Structure formats: structure tokens, C-alpha cells
C-alpha atoms as a PDB file:
ATOM      1  CA  MET A   1      -1.998   0.441  28.628  1.00  0.00           C
ATOM      2  CA  SER A   2       1.502   1.674  29.398  1.00  0.00           C
ATOM      3  CA  ASN A   3       2.217   3.678  32.538  1.00  0.00           C
ATOM      4  CA  ARG A   4       3.541   6.384  30.222  1.00  0.00           C
ATOM      5  CA  SER A   5       1.273   9.300  29.399  1.00  0.00           C
ATOM      6  CA  PHE A   6      -0.912   9.291  26.286  1.00  0.00           C
ATOM      7  CA  PHE A   7       0.768  12.607  25.437  1.00  0.00           C
ATOM      8  CA  LEU A   8       4.557  12.397  25.493  1.00  0.00           C
ATOM      9  CA  GLN A   9       7.086  15.147  26.031  1.00  0.00           C
ATOM     10  CA  ARG A  10      10.212  15.225  23.889  1.00  0.00           C
ATOM     11  CA  GLU A  11      12.429  14.604  26.908  1.00  0.00           C
ATOM     12  CA  SER A  12      10.495  11.437  27.793  1.00  0.00           C
ATOM     13  CA  LEU A  13      11.252   9.759  24.453  1.00  0.00           C
ATOM     14  CA  VAL A  14      13.872   7.017  24.283  1.00  0.00           C
ATOM     15  CA  GLY A  15      15.948   5.756  21.380  1.00  0.00           C
ATOM     16  CA  SER A  16      14.225   2.375  21.411  1.00  0.00           C
ATOM     17  CA  ASP A  17      10.804   3.915  20.717  1.00  0.00           C
ATOM     18  CA  LYS A  18       9.402   3.032  17.315  1.00  0.00           C
ATOM     19  CA  LEU A  19       8.226   6.133  15.512  1.00  0.00           C
ATOM     20  CA  VAL A  20       5.130   6.254  13.322  1.00  0.00           C
ATOM     21  CA  LEU A  21       5.925   9.526  11.578  1.00  0.00           C
ATOM     22  CA  PHE A  22       3.465  11.299   9.313  1.00  0.00           C
ATOM     23  CA  CYS A  23       4.426  13.976   6.821  1.00  0.00           C
ATOM     24  CA  GLU A  24       1.142  15.652   5.968  1.00  0.00           C
ATOM     25  CA  ASN A  25      -1.025  12.716   4.760  1.00  0.00           C
ATOM     26  CA  ARG A  26       1.840  10.291   4.157  1.00  0.00           C
ATOM     27  CA  ILE A  27       3.806   7.989   6.439  1.00  0.00           C
ATOM     28  CA  VAL A  28       7.609   7.811   6.578  1.00  0.00           C
ATOM     29  CA  VAL A  29       9.098   4.294   6.474  1.00  0.00           C
ATOM     30  CA  LYS A  30      12.407   2.605   5.733  1.00  0.00           C
ATOM     31  CA  GLY A  31      11.583  -0.264   3.435  1.00  0.00           C
ATOM     32  CA  ASP A  32       8.826  -2.055   5.307  1.00  0.00           C
ATOM     33  CA  GLU A  33       9.804  -0.814   8.757  1.00  0.00           C
ATOM     34  CA  PHE A  34       8.956   2.155  10.943  1.00  0.00           C
ATOM     35  CA  LEU A  35      11.705   4.547  12.008  1.00  0.00           C
ATOM     36  CA  TRP A  36      13.470   4.231  15.327  1.00  0.00           C
ATOM     37  CA  LEU A  37      13.137   7.390  17.367  1.00  0.00           C
ATOM     38  CA  GLN A  38      16.865   7.918  17.566  1.00  0.00           C
ATOM     39  CA  GLU A  39      18.415  11.264  18.399  1.00  0.00           C
ATOM     40  CA  GLN A  40      19.164  12.235  14.801  1.00  0.00           C
ATOM     41  CA  VAL A  41      15.501  11.768  13.874  1.00  0.00           C
ATOM     42  CA  ILE A  42      14.273  13.775  16.855  1.00  0.00           C
ATOM     43  CA  ASP A  43      16.599  16.655  15.947  1.00  0.00           C
ATOM     44  CA  LEU A  44      14.998  16.890  12.513  1.00  0.00           C
ATOM     45  CA  LEU A  45      11.525  17.439  13.940  1.00  0.00           C
ATOM     46  CA  PRO A  46      10.297  20.929  14.860  1.00  0.00           C
ATOM     47  CA  GLU A  47      10.747  21.992  18.478  1.00  0.00           C
ATOM     48  CA  ASP A  48       6.976  22.245  18.932  1.00  0.00           C
ATOM     49  CA  SER A  49       6.357  18.692  17.631  1.00  0.00           C
ATOM     50  CA  GLU A  50       3.849  16.706  19.672  1.00  0.00           C
ATOM     51  CA  PHE A  51       4.182  12.990  20.355  1.00  0.00           C
ATOM     52  CA  LEU A  52       1.291  10.638  21.045  1.00  0.00           C
ATOM     53  CA  LEU A  53       1.567   7.169  22.540  1.00  0.00           C
ATOM     54  CA  VAL A  54       0.010   4.346  20.513  1.00  0.00           C
ATOM     55  CA  ASP A  55      -0.486   1.003  22.249  1.00  0.00           C
ATOM     56  CA  HIS A  56      -1.007  -1.991  19.953  1.00  0.00           C
ATOM     57  CA  ASN A  57      -1.105  -5.610  21.127  1.00  0.00           C
ATOM     58  CA  GLY A  58       1.178  -4.860  24.056  1.00  0.00           C
ATOM     59  CA  GLU A  59       3.722  -2.906  22.004  1.00  0.00           C
ATOM     60  CA  HIS A  60       4.206   0.833  22.308  1.00  0.00           C
ATOM     61  CA  PHE A  61       4.711   3.165  19.375  1.00  0.00           C
ATOM     62  CA  VAL A  62       5.083   6.935  19.190  1.00  0.00           C
ATOM     63  CA  ALA A  63       3.062   8.870  16.603  1.00  0.00           C
ATOM     64  CA  ALA A  64       4.266  12.266  15.414  1.00  0.00           C
ATOM     65  CA  HIS A  65       3.594  14.680  12.576  1.00  0.00           C
ATOM     66  CA  THR A  66       5.763  17.071  10.604  1.00  0.00           C
ATOM     67  CA  SER A  67       4.941  19.350   7.698  1.00  0.00           C
ATOM     68  CA  GLU A  68       8.547  19.065   6.479  1.00  0.00           C
ATOM     69  CA  ASP A  69       9.425  16.051   4.349  1.00  0.00           C
ATOM     70  CA  ILE A  70      12.470  14.571   6.106  1.00  0.00           C
ATOM     71  CA  ALA A  71      12.247  11.160   4.417  1.00  0.00           C
ATOM     72  CA  GLU A  72      15.229  11.696   2.128  1.00  0.00           C
ATOM     73  CA  VAL A  73      17.400  13.046   4.950  1.00  0.00           C
ATOM     74  CA  VAL A  74      16.940   9.865   7.006  1.00  0.00           C
ATOM     75  CA  ALA A  75      17.251   7.586   3.952  1.00  0.00           C
ATOM     76  CA  ALA A  76      13.576   6.698   4.086  1.00  0.00           C
ATOM     77  CA  GLU A  77      10.531   7.256   1.897  1.00  0.00           C
ATOM     78  CA  SER A  78       7.082   8.734   2.424  1.00  0.00           C
ATOM     79  CA  ARG A  79       4.234   6.470   1.418  1.00  0.00           C
ATOM     80  CA  SER A  80       0.461   6.601   1.461  1.00  0.00           C
ATOM     81  CA  LEU A  81      -1.231   4.753   4.279  1.00  0.00           C
ATOM     82  CA  ARG A  82      -3.153   2.669   1.750  1.00  0.00           C
ATOM     83  CA  SER A  83       0.117   1.358   0.306  1.00  0.00           C
ATOM     84  CA  LEU A  84       0.805  -0.446   3.602  1.00  0.00           C
ATOM     85  CA  LEU A  85      -2.249  -2.615   2.945  1.00  0.00           C
ATOM     86  CA  PHE A  86      -0.248  -4.651   0.470  1.00  0.00           C
ATOM     87  CA  ILE A  87       3.005  -5.265   2.312  1.00  0.00           C
ATOM     88  CA  GLU A  88       4.090  -7.481   5.168  1.00  0.00           C
ATOM     89  CA  GLY A  89       6.589  -6.226   7.660  1.00  0.00           C
ATOM     90  CA  GLU A  90       7.117  -4.296  10.837  1.00  0.00           C
ATOM     91  CA  SER A  91       5.165  -1.325   9.513  1.00  0.00           C
ATOM     92  CA  ASP A  92       1.957  -3.234  10.100  1.00  0.00           C
ATOM     93  CA  PHE A  93      -1.084  -1.566   8.538  1.00  0.00           C
ATOM     94  CA  SER A  94      -3.134  -1.925  11.705  1.00  0.00           C
ATOM     95  CA  VAL A  95      -0.501  -0.060  13.739  1.00  0.00           C
ATOM     96  CA  ALA A  96      -0.191   2.685  11.150  1.00  0.00           C
ATOM     97  CA  GLY A  97      -3.966   2.915  10.836  1.00  0.00           C
ATOM     98  CA  LYS A  98      -4.447   3.312  14.568  1.00  0.00           C
ATOM     99  CA  ALA A  99      -1.694   5.926  14.759  1.00  0.00           C
ATOM    100  CA  SER A 100      -3.214   7.803  11.822  1.00  0.00           C
ATOM    101  CA  GLN A 101      -6.622   7.977  13.503  1.00  0.00           C
ATOM    102  CA  ILE A 102      -5.192   9.176  16.817  1.00  0.00           C
ATOM    103  CA  MET A 103      -3.045  11.814  15.126  1.00  0.00           C
ATOM    104  CA  SER A 104      -5.934  13.021  12.967  1.00  0.00           C
ATOM    105  CA  TRP A 105      -8.191  13.363  16.023  1.00  0.00           C
ATOM    106  CA  TYR A 106      -5.543  15.318  17.900  1.00  0.00           C
ATOM    107  CA  ARG A 107      -4.767  17.694  15.030  1.00  0.00           C
ATOM    108  CA  THR A 108      -8.449  18.469  14.352  1.00  0.00           C
ATOM    109  CA  HIS A 109      -9.466  19.193  17.963  1.00  0.00           C
ATOM    110  CA  ARG A 110      -6.978  21.891  18.940  1.00  0.00           C
ATOM    111  CA  TYR A 111      -9.886  24.252  19.610  1.00  0.00           C
ATOM    112  CA  CYS A 112     -13.205  23.724  21.338  1.00  0.00           C
ATOM    113  CA  GLY A 113     -16.159  23.352  18.992  1.00  0.00           C
ATOM    114  CA  VAL A 114     -18.492  24.894  21.596  1.00  0.00           C
ATOM    115  CA  CYS A 115     -16.730  28.113  22.614  1.00  0.00           C
ATOM    116  CA  GLY A 116     -13.670  28.267  20.378  1.00  0.00           C
ATOM    117  CA  SER A 117     -11.109  28.210  23.192  1.00  0.00           C
ATOM    118  CA  LYS A 118      -7.861  26.284  22.858  1.00  0.00           C
ATOM    119  CA  THR A 119      -8.001  22.737  24.226  1.00  0.00           C
ATOM    120  CA  SER A 120      -5.434  21.075  26.474  1.00  0.00           C
ATOM    121  CA  GLN A 121      -4.358  17.513  27.117  1.00  0.00           C
ATOM    122  CA  HIS A 122      -6.141  15.423  29.754  1.00  0.00           C
ATOM    123  CA  GLU A 123      -3.702  14.189  32.401  1.00  0.00           C
ATOM    124  CA  GLN A 124      -5.126  10.663  32.739  1.00  0.00           C
ATOM    125  CA  GLN A 125      -7.154   9.870  29.617  1.00  0.00           C
ATOM    126  CA  ARG A 126      -6.760  10.118  25.861  1.00  0.00           C
ATOM    127  CA  ALA A 127      -8.896  13.231  25.705  1.00  0.00           C
ATOM    128  CA  LEU A 128      -8.670  16.957  25.066  1.00  0.00           C
ATOM    129  CA  LEU A 129     -10.271  19.414  27.462  1.00  0.00           C
ATOM    130  CA  CYS A 130     -11.592  22.934  27.163  1.00  0.00           C
ATOM    131  CA  ALA A 131     -10.689  24.823  30.330  1.00  0.00           C
ATOM    132  CA  ASN A 132     -13.156  27.577  29.464  1.00  0.00           C
ATOM    133  CA  CYS A 133     -16.419  25.585  29.163  1.00  0.00           C
ATOM    134  CA  GLY A 134     -15.425  22.101  30.360  1.00  0.00           C
ATOM    135  CA  GLU A 135     -16.171  20.269  27.098  1.00  0.00           C
ATOM    136  CA  GLN A 136     -14.215  17.046  26.559  1.00  0.00           C
ATOM    137  CA  TYR A 137     -13.152  15.561  23.218  1.00  0.00           C
ATOM    138  CA  PHE A 138     -12.344  11.876  22.848  1.00  0.00           C
ATOM    139  CA  PRO A 139     -11.164  10.190  19.635  1.00  0.00           C
ATOM    140  CA  ARG A 140     -14.151   9.774  17.335  1.00  0.00           C
ATOM    141  CA  ILE A 141     -15.068   6.623  15.425  1.00  0.00           C
ATOM    142  CA  ASN A 142     -17.538   6.687  12.528  1.00  0.00           C
ATOM    143  CA  PRO A 143     -19.649   3.492  12.373  1.00  0.00           C
ATOM    144  CA  CYS A 144     -20.386   2.034   8.944  1.00  0.00           C
ATOM    145  CA  ALA A 145     -22.362  -0.984   7.786  1.00  0.00           C
ATOM    146  CA  ILE A 146     -20.964  -3.189   5.033  1.00  0.00           C
ATOM    147  CA  VAL A 147     -23.034  -6.055   3.674  1.00  0.00           C
ATOM    148  CA  LEU A 148     -22.639  -9.080   1.448  1.00  0.00           C
ATOM    149  CA  VAL A 149     -25.922  -9.663  -0.387  1.00  0.00           C
ATOM    150  CA  THR A 150     -26.360 -13.222  -1.676  1.00  0.00           C
ATOM    151  CA  LYS A 151     -28.759 -15.124  -3.897  1.00  0.00           C
ATOM    152  CA  GLY A 152     -27.945 -18.815  -3.884  1.00  0.00           C
ATOM    153  CA  ARG A 153     -24.518 -19.246  -5.490  1.00  0.00           C
ATOM    154  CA  GLU A 154     -24.450 -15.596  -6.533  1.00  0.00           C
ATOM    155  CA  ILE A 155     -23.200 -12.582  -4.603  1.00  0.00           C
ATOM    156  CA  LEU A 156     -23.916  -8.907  -5.256  1.00  0.00           C
ATOM    157  CA  LEU A 157     -20.744  -6.937  -5.943  1.00  0.00           C
ATOM    158  CA  ALA A 158     -20.278  -3.328  -6.978  1.00  0.00           C
ATOM    159  CA  ARG A 159     -17.512  -1.090  -8.288  1.00  0.00           C
ATOM    160  CA  SER A 160     -17.291   2.398  -6.802  1.00  0.00           C
ATOM    161  CA  ALA A 161     -17.673   5.436  -9.010  1.00  0.00           C
ATOM    162  CA  ARG A 162     -15.536   7.538  -6.658  1.00  0.00           C
ATOM    163  CA  PHE A 163     -12.607   5.230  -5.866  1.00  0.00           C
ATOM    164  CA  LYS A 164     -10.981   3.872  -9.013  1.00  0.00           C
ATOM    165  CA  THR A 165      -9.335   0.815  -7.461  1.00  0.00           C
ATOM    166  CA  GLY A 166     -10.611  -1.664 -10.035  1.00  0.00           C
ATOM    167  CA  PHE A 167     -11.950  -3.888  -7.273  1.00  0.00           C
ATOM    168  CA  TYR A 168     -15.538  -5.030  -6.873  1.00  0.00           C
ATOM    169  CA  SER A 169     -16.719  -5.123  -3.296  1.00  0.00           C
ATOM    170  CA  CYS A 170     -19.689  -5.285  -0.949  1.00  0.00           C
ATOM    171  CA  LEU A 171     -22.113  -2.405  -0.536  1.00  0.00           C
ATOM    172  CA  ALA A 172     -21.458  -0.112   2.410  1.00  0.00           C
ATOM    173  CA  GLY A 173     -22.395   3.204   3.980  1.00  0.00           C
ATOM    174  CA  PHE A 174     -22.225   5.336   7.100  1.00  0.00           C
ATOM    175  CA  ILE A 175     -24.804   4.807   9.837  1.00  0.00           C
ATOM    176  CA  GLU A 176     -26.974   7.906  10.062  1.00  0.00           C
ATOM    177  CA  VAL A 177     -28.375   9.538  13.209  1.00  0.00           C
ATOM    178  CA  GLY A 178     -31.249   7.502  14.634  1.00  0.00           C
ATOM    179  CA  GLU A 179     -30.499   4.388  12.581  1.00  0.00           C
ATOM    180  CA  SER A 180     -29.582   0.922  13.746  1.00  0.00           C
ATOM    181  CA  ALA A 181     -26.891  -0.880  11.753  1.00  0.00           C
ATOM    182  CA  GLU A 182     -29.626  -3.076  10.270  1.00  0.00           C
ATOM    183  CA  ASP A 183     -31.569   0.023   9.182  1.00  0.00           C
ATOM    184  CA  THR A 184     -28.447   1.219   7.405  1.00  0.00           C
ATOM    185  CA  VAL A 185     -28.078  -2.101   5.578  1.00  0.00           C
ATOM    186  CA  LEU A 186     -31.631  -1.866   4.256  1.00  0.00           C
ATOM    187  CA  ARG A 187     -31.257   1.769   3.219  1.00  0.00           C
ATOM    188  CA  GLU A 188     -27.792   1.570   1.667  1.00  0.00           C
ATOM    189  CA  VAL A 189     -28.530  -1.564  -0.371  1.00  0.00           C
ATOM    190  CA  LYS A 190     -31.732   0.003  -1.697  1.00  0.00           C
ATOM    191  CA  GLU A 191     -30.067   3.343  -2.472  1.00  0.00           C
ATOM    192  CA  GLU A 192     -26.921   1.944  -4.059  1.00  0.00           C
ATOM    193  CA  SER A 193     -28.318  -1.026  -5.965  1.00  0.00           C
ATOM    194  CA  GLY A 194     -32.101  -0.692  -6.104  1.00  0.00           C
ATOM    195  CA  VAL A 195     -32.719  -4.125  -4.580  1.00  0.00           C
ATOM    196  CA  GLU A 196     -34.280  -5.111  -1.271  1.00  0.00           C
ATOM    197  CA  VAL A 197     -32.881  -7.602   1.236  1.00  0.00           C
ATOM    198  CA  ASP A 198     -33.985  -9.505   4.314  1.00  0.00           C
ATOM    199  CA  ASN A 199     -32.603 -11.978   6.882  1.00  0.00           C
ATOM    200  CA  ILE A 200     -29.835  -9.559   7.902  1.00  0.00           C
ATOM    201  CA  ARG A 201     -27.265 -11.088  10.260  1.00  0.00           C
ATOM    202  CA  TYR A 202     -24.093  -9.703  11.776  1.00  0.00           C
ATOM    203  CA  VAL A 203     -20.787 -11.437  10.936  1.00  0.00           C
ATOM    204  CA  LYS A 204     -17.800  -9.407  12.196  1.00  0.00           C
ATOM    205  CA  SER A 205     -16.242  -5.945  12.410  1.00  0.00           C
ATOM    206  CA  GLN A 206     -13.047  -4.201  11.360  1.00  0.00           C
ATOM    207  CA  SER A 207     -11.319  -0.933  12.186  1.00  0.00           C
ATOM    208  CA  TRP A 208     -10.732   1.026   8.967  1.00  0.00           C
ATOM    209  CA  PRO A 209      -8.717   4.278   9.068  1.00  0.00           C
ATOM    210  CA  PHE A 210     -10.122   5.992   5.966  1.00  0.00           C
ATOM    211  CA  PRO A 211     -10.639   8.300   7.691  1.00  0.00           C
ATOM    212  CA  SER A 212     -11.663   6.777  11.051  1.00  0.00           C
ATOM    213  CA  GLN A 213     -14.301   4.115  10.661  1.00  0.00           C
ATOM    214  CA  LEU A 214     -15.584   0.986  12.361  1.00  0.00           C
ATOM    215  CA  MET A 215     -16.917  -1.345   9.669  1.00  0.00           C
ATOM    216  CA  LEU A 216     -19.751  -3.595  10.883  1.00  0.00           C
ATOM    217  CA  GLY A 217     -19.940  -6.554   8.516  1.00  0.00           C
ATOM    218  CA  PHE A 218     -23.286  -8.176   7.682  1.00  0.00           C
ATOM    219  CA  HIS A 219     -24.699 -10.899   5.445  1.00  0.00           C
ATOM    220  CA  ALA A 220     -28.164 -10.469   3.910  1.00  0.00           C
ATOM    221  CA  ASP A 221     -30.357 -12.418   1.498  1.00  0.00           C
ATOM    222  CA  TYR A 222     -31.675 -10.943  -1.733  1.00  0.00           C
ATOM    223  CA  LYS A 223     -35.419 -10.352  -1.465  1.00  0.00           C
ATOM    224  CA  SER A 224     -36.601  -8.520  -4.582  1.00  0.00           C
ATOM    225  CA  GLY A 225     -35.918  -5.851  -7.199  1.00  0.00           C
ATOM    226  CA  ASP A 226     -33.751  -5.226 -10.226  1.00  0.00           C
ATOM    227  CA  ILE A 227     -30.239  -3.779  -9.968  1.00  0.00           C
ATOM    228  CA  VAL A 228     -30.118  -0.045 -10.653  1.00  0.00           C
ATOM    229  CA  PRO A 229     -26.693   1.416  -9.680  1.00  0.00           C
ATOM    230  CA  GLU A 230     -26.865   4.725  -7.813  1.00  0.00           C
ATOM    231  CA  PRO A 231     -25.544   7.514 -10.091  1.00  0.00           C
ATOM    232  CA  GLY A 232     -22.340   9.083  -8.812  1.00  0.00           C
ATOM    233  CA  GLU A 233     -21.805   6.343  -6.224  1.00  0.00           C
ATOM    234  CA  ILE A 234     -21.809   3.014  -8.060  1.00  0.00           C
ATOM    235  CA  GLU A 235     -20.145   2.599 -11.446  1.00  0.00           C
ATOM    236  CA  GLU A 236     -21.308  -0.978 -11.936  1.00  0.00           C
ATOM    237  CA  ALA A 237     -23.123  -3.658  -9.914  1.00  0.00           C
ATOM    238  CA  ASP A 238     -24.240  -7.204 -10.620  1.00  0.00           C
ATOM    239  CA  PHE A 239     -24.679 -10.683  -9.184  1.00  0.00           C
ATOM    240  CA  TYR A 240     -21.665 -12.958  -9.731  1.00  0.00           C
ATOM    241  CA  ASP A 241     -21.394 -16.719  -9.369  1.00  0.00           C
ATOM    242  CA  ILE A 242     -18.912 -17.733  -6.678  1.00  0.00           C
ATOM    243  CA  ASP A 243     -16.810 -19.539  -9.317  1.00  0.00           C
ATOM    244  CA  ASP A 244     -16.708 -16.525 -11.622  1.00  0.00           C
ATOM    245  CA  LEU A 245     -15.894 -13.539  -9.410  1.00  0.00           C
ATOM    246  CA  PRO A 246     -14.254 -10.309 -10.601  1.00  0.00           C
ATOM    247  CA  ALA A 247     -11.291  -8.806  -8.721  1.00  0.00           C
ATOM    248  CA  VAL A 248     -12.316  -8.540  -5.053  1.00  0.00           C
ATOM    249  CA  PRO A 249     -10.496  -7.328  -1.896  1.00  0.00           C
ATOM    250  CA  SER A 250      -8.194  -9.760  -0.136  1.00  0.00           C
ATOM    251  CA  PRO A 251      -9.605 -11.349   3.038  1.00  0.00           C
ATOM    252  CA  ASP A 252      -6.248 -10.543   4.664  1.00  0.00           C
ATOM    253  CA  ILE A 253      -6.906  -6.841   4.153  1.00  0.00           C
ATOM    254  CA  SER A 254     -10.574  -6.030   4.469  1.00  0.00           C
ATOM    255  CA  VAL A 255     -13.748  -7.287   6.085  1.00  0.00           C
ATOM    256  CA  ALA A 256     -15.367  -7.200   2.625  1.00  0.00           C
ATOM    257  CA  GLY A 257     -12.889  -9.827   1.447  1.00  0.00           C
ATOM    258  CA  GLU A 258     -13.581 -11.898   4.543  1.00  0.00           C
ATOM    259  CA  LEU A 259     -17.350 -11.759   4.043  1.00  0.00           C
ATOM    260  CA  ILE A 260     -16.906 -12.967   0.476  1.00  0.00           C
ATOM    261  CA  GLN A 261     -14.445 -15.709   1.435  1.00  0.00           C
ATOM    262  CA  ILE A 262     -16.638 -17.003   4.278  1.00  0.00           C
ATOM    263  CA  TYR A 263     -19.680 -17.314   2.043  1.00  0.00           C
ATOM    264  CA  VAL A 264     -17.799 -18.930  -0.853  1.00  0.00           C
ATOM    265  CA  GLU A 265     -16.317 -21.534   1.484  1.00  0.00           C
ATOM    266  CA  GLN A 266     -19.721 -22.260   3.040  1.00  0.00           C
ATOM    267  CA  VAL A 267     -21.322 -22.834  -0.370  1.00  0.00           C
ATOM    268  CA  ARG A 268     -18.513 -25.076  -1.567  1.00  0.00           C
ATOM    269  CA  LYS A 269     -18.745 -27.157   1.608  1.00  0.00           C
ATOM    270  CA  GLY A 270     -22.480 -27.567   1.099  1.00  0.00           C
ATOM    271  CA  GLU A 271     -23.285 -25.706   4.296  1.00  0.00           C
ATOM    272  CA  ILE A 272     -25.603 -23.328   2.401  1.00  0.00           C
END
């Protein structure tokens, strides 16, 4: 990590800093690039603006938030974070996602959840402290399990009833208190599709900033049961042959796409 503080003062900013600026729930970019934290941009931000250091692969970015839409003034545009999934450029989605999670944590922990006192910045760690009762608040990550269920050449895909993206994807859900990730796989697949699985094995993980999740990717074999989509959660679900798949997430974007791609390639190579 940099020798600079996690929490930056306005006077410690330099013109060469790259700014990941959020306006409410949107991010301000110029084309496909972040803003440079030049003096004219700083002057447009409120005096009480707070700046957080974001370290990503050895590069340092500065995250900030404003309730005033300054995009037009600096010849930029405000975009949704999800829109950065589909572009290539300096405004890398992983950087923006990390900055979004850090900023969201900071903005939602201004006051202590135990005693209600105002929190303050830790001098050496990315944490917020309550001087009154001593409680500490670190950035929170919500673990989720996402699973590709397979049956020979067929894979189980579902379309969400809540998110109208048009894509079919793997089944997923948050890990509940007291559960292992494998427990979550069994429960979520049963709840969302009505089928049972076995031979659960971990594949890989992915950070996912909607809102602040760690996706744990698994592969599981179909065991038994008929597909019954969960009302209100799953619009449609079915088994699809690997050569006749509906629209699925790109493997360059999501772990769901990677799980699908890995399995399809293994089947085609005769490894399964």
C-alpha cells in the first residue's frame, strides 16, 4: 500500500492523482477515462468533500463523492457503474468497483451502530473508530455462492425475475449466518430451481460491487428433481445443451460467464 494515508486531506492531493468521482450513485468519466484531479476539478467539489485512497495493482486512485452533478461543467458525463462492465479503457470496472465499495462503506458508517456517536478515521488502517465506546468499523464484504449445475452436456441456467437484463445465468445467493458456502449452494439451488445437487466443488471467486459482494464460484452435478422456478426470484429456468445456449454473461465480465465457459470447453475437449 502507499505511504499516503487511507483518508486524504484536500491539501495532500496532487494534480496527477486520478479521480474516481461519484455523483450520488453514478460515476463521472470523460469518454472511457477517469478524471484527473486537477485544480479546476477540486474547486468544483464542496469544501467538506472527503477523499479516500484506492490502491489497485500498484496504482493509486482517489475516490470522492459529490451530491452536485458537475459532469457537464468539466465536459464529462455521469454513468452507472454497471455501464463500465461493457467498455475497455482507463476507467477499468475493477477500479471503479473497488472505489464504489470503499466509498459506500465510508458514507454508511459515519455514526456508531452501538452507541450512535460520530465515528472518526483510524490513523493507520482503513477503519472508522468510535471514540465513545471503542467500536471499530472495517469495510464489509458480503459473501455469496454462485453455482453452475450440470447434467452431462446440459447446464442449468435461469433468468432473474428482479433484474431484467435478458441474460440467463447461474444460480446464486447470499451465505446466511451459520452456513458454509457448500450449504448455501444446496439451499439456493433447491429454493430457486427445485432440484437437488451433489459433488459440489469450488472453482474460483470474484469481487462484485453490487453492492459489495465476494462471489464464490462452484460447480455441482444435478442429482434429482424437476425444475420449479422460485416465484418472485426466477422468471425462467431450464437445462440447456452447451451448443444451444441462450444469452449468457461474458467470461470477461463475470464469474458466472467463466464457470460456463470452463465447463463448455471441458466438454468439447472430451475432458468430461
